[in-house]
């Protein structure tokens, strides 16, 4: 029979998975990335809209989006000549909501 300490020890020995989780959560500490993530809640936006909304350069946006895409937080879709960005899936929005609720106890989102 496996006890809870053995299960915890097994999970702690999965360094690659823990490292990936650490990298994932590090994206939420960067203010620009967090603003991008929050802007994409429930909507798709093109790069120009994100630049205007966040008052950042296209170069800065491109850099931040590359990191967010590599970490499976944001995905893109080309429609005509424009590229639109959305959150990768509902898990990202759930994580954002849980963190907000944890910190601010259900204040206005």
Protein backbone atom coordinates (compact mmCIF):
# COMPACT_ATOMS: atom_id res chain seq x y z
CA UNK A 1 0.00 0.00 0.00
CA UNK A 2 1.32 3.43 -0.99
CA UNK A 3 1.03 6.15 1.65
CA UNK A 4 0.66 9.88 1.07
CA UNK A 5 4.36 10.60 1.73
CA UNK A 6 5.36 8.13 -0.97
CA UNK A 7 2.99 9.78 -3.43
CA UNK A 8 4.34 13.22 -2.54
CA UNK A 9 7.95 11.97 -2.86
CA UNK A 10 7.13 10.58 -6.32
CA UNK A 11 5.64 13.90 -7.45
CA UNK A 12 8.57 15.89 -6.07
CA UNK A 13 10.96 13.71 -8.06
CA UNK A 14 9.34 14.79 -11.33
CA UNK A 15 11.74 17.72 -11.74
CA UNK A 16 10.91 18.37 -15.39
CA UNK A 17 7.21 18.74 -14.61
CA UNK A 18 7.86 20.94 -11.58
CA UNK A 19 10.25 23.07 -13.64
CA UNK A 20 7.63 23.45 -16.38
CA UNK A 21 5.07 24.52 -13.76
CA UNK A 22 7.51 27.06 -12.36
CA UNK A 23 8.12 28.47 -15.84
CA UNK A 24 4.37 28.61 -16.45
CA UNK A 25 3.68 30.57 -13.26
CA UNK A 26 6.61 32.92 -13.85
CA UNK A 27 4.64 34.38 -16.75
CA UNK A 28 2.12 35.81 -14.31
CA UNK A 29 4.76 37.88 -12.47
CA UNK A 30 5.65 40.05 -15.46
CA UNK A 31 3.26 43.06 -15.50
CA UNK A 32 3.13 43.32 -19.29
CA UNK A 33 2.42 39.62 -19.75
CA UNK A 34 -0.21 39.70 -17.03
CA UNK A 35 -1.93 42.64 -18.77
CA UNK A 36 -1.89 40.73 -22.07
CA UNK A 37 -3.35 37.66 -20.39
CA UNK A 38 -6.05 39.71 -18.69
CA UNK A 39 -6.86 41.60 -21.92
CA UNK A 40 -7.45 38.30 -23.69
CA UNK A 41 -9.98 37.04 -21.17
CA UNK A 42 -13.10 36.07 -23.14
CA UNK A 43 -12.01 37.77 -26.36
CA UNK A 44 -9.62 37.60 -29.26
CA UNK A 45 -7.56 40.65 -30.11
CA UNK A 46 -5.17 41.50 -32.91
CA UNK A 47 -1.66 42.76 -32.26
CA UNK A 48 -2.53 46.38 -33.09
CA UNK A 49 -5.40 46.35 -30.60
CA UNK A 50 -3.17 44.90 -27.89
CA UNK A 51 -0.48 47.52 -28.56
CA UNK A 52 -3.04 50.33 -28.38
CA UNK A 53 -4.76 48.91 -25.32
CA UNK A 54 -1.54 48.34 -23.37
CA UNK A 55 0.42 51.28 -24.80
CA UNK A 56 3.38 49.11 -25.79
CA UNK A 57 5.45 48.80 -28.97
CA UNK A 58 4.93 46.05 -31.52
CA UNK A 59 8.43 44.80 -30.74
CA UNK A 60 7.66 44.50 -27.03
CA UNK A 61 4.33 42.83 -27.76
CA UNK A 62 5.96 40.36 -30.13
CA UNK A 63 8.56 39.44 -27.50
CA UNK A 64 5.94 38.94 -24.78
CA UNK A 65 3.60 36.94 -27.04
CA UNK A 66 6.44 34.62 -28.05
CA UNK A 67 7.06 33.78 -24.40
CA UNK A 68 3.34 33.33 -23.71
CA UNK A 69 2.93 31.05 -26.75
CA UNK A 70 5.92 28.92 -25.74
CA UNK A 71 4.34 28.43 -22.32
CA UNK A 72 0.93 27.45 -23.76
CA UNK A 73 -0.81 30.50 -22.35
CA UNK A 74 -1.70 32.25 -25.61
CA UNK A 75 -2.46 30.92 -29.07
CA UNK A 76 -2.94 32.70 -32.37
CA UNK A 77 -5.20 32.44 -35.38
CA UNK A 78 -4.73 34.15 -38.72
CA UNK A 79 -7.92 35.60 -40.21
CA UNK A 80 -7.28 37.23 -43.56
CA UNK A 81 -4.18 39.36 -43.15
CA UNK A 82 -4.56 39.86 -39.39
CA UNK A 83 -3.35 37.62 -36.58
CA UNK A 84 -5.64 37.34 -33.57
CA UNK A 85 -4.61 36.14 -30.13
CA UNK A 86 -6.65 34.33 -27.49
CA UNK A 87 -5.94 32.47 -24.29
CA UNK A 88 -4.81 28.95 -25.08
CA UNK A 89 -7.71 27.30 -23.24
CA UNK A 90 -10.14 27.68 -20.37
CA UNK A 91 -7.53 26.54 -17.84
CA UNK A 92 -5.61 29.80 -18.22
CA UNK A 93 -8.71 31.83 -17.50
CA UNK A 94 -9.52 29.60 -14.52
CA UNK A 95 -6.04 30.11 -13.08
CA UNK A 96 -6.40 33.86 -13.51
CA UNK A 97 -9.82 33.84 -11.84
CA UNK A 98 -8.64 31.66 -8.95
CA UNK A 99 -5.65 33.92 -8.28
CA UNK A 100 -7.82 37.03 -8.40
CA UNK A 101 -10.43 35.51 -6.09
CA UNK A 102 -7.73 34.27 -3.71
CA UNK A 103 -6.12 37.68 -3.45
CA UNK A 104 -9.14 39.95 -3.58
CA UNK A 105 -11.99 37.82 -2.18
CA UNK A 106 -14.42 38.15 -5.07
CA UNK A 107 -14.07 41.95 -5.52
CA UNK A 108 -15.03 43.24 -8.96
CA UNK A 109 -13.10 41.51 -11.72
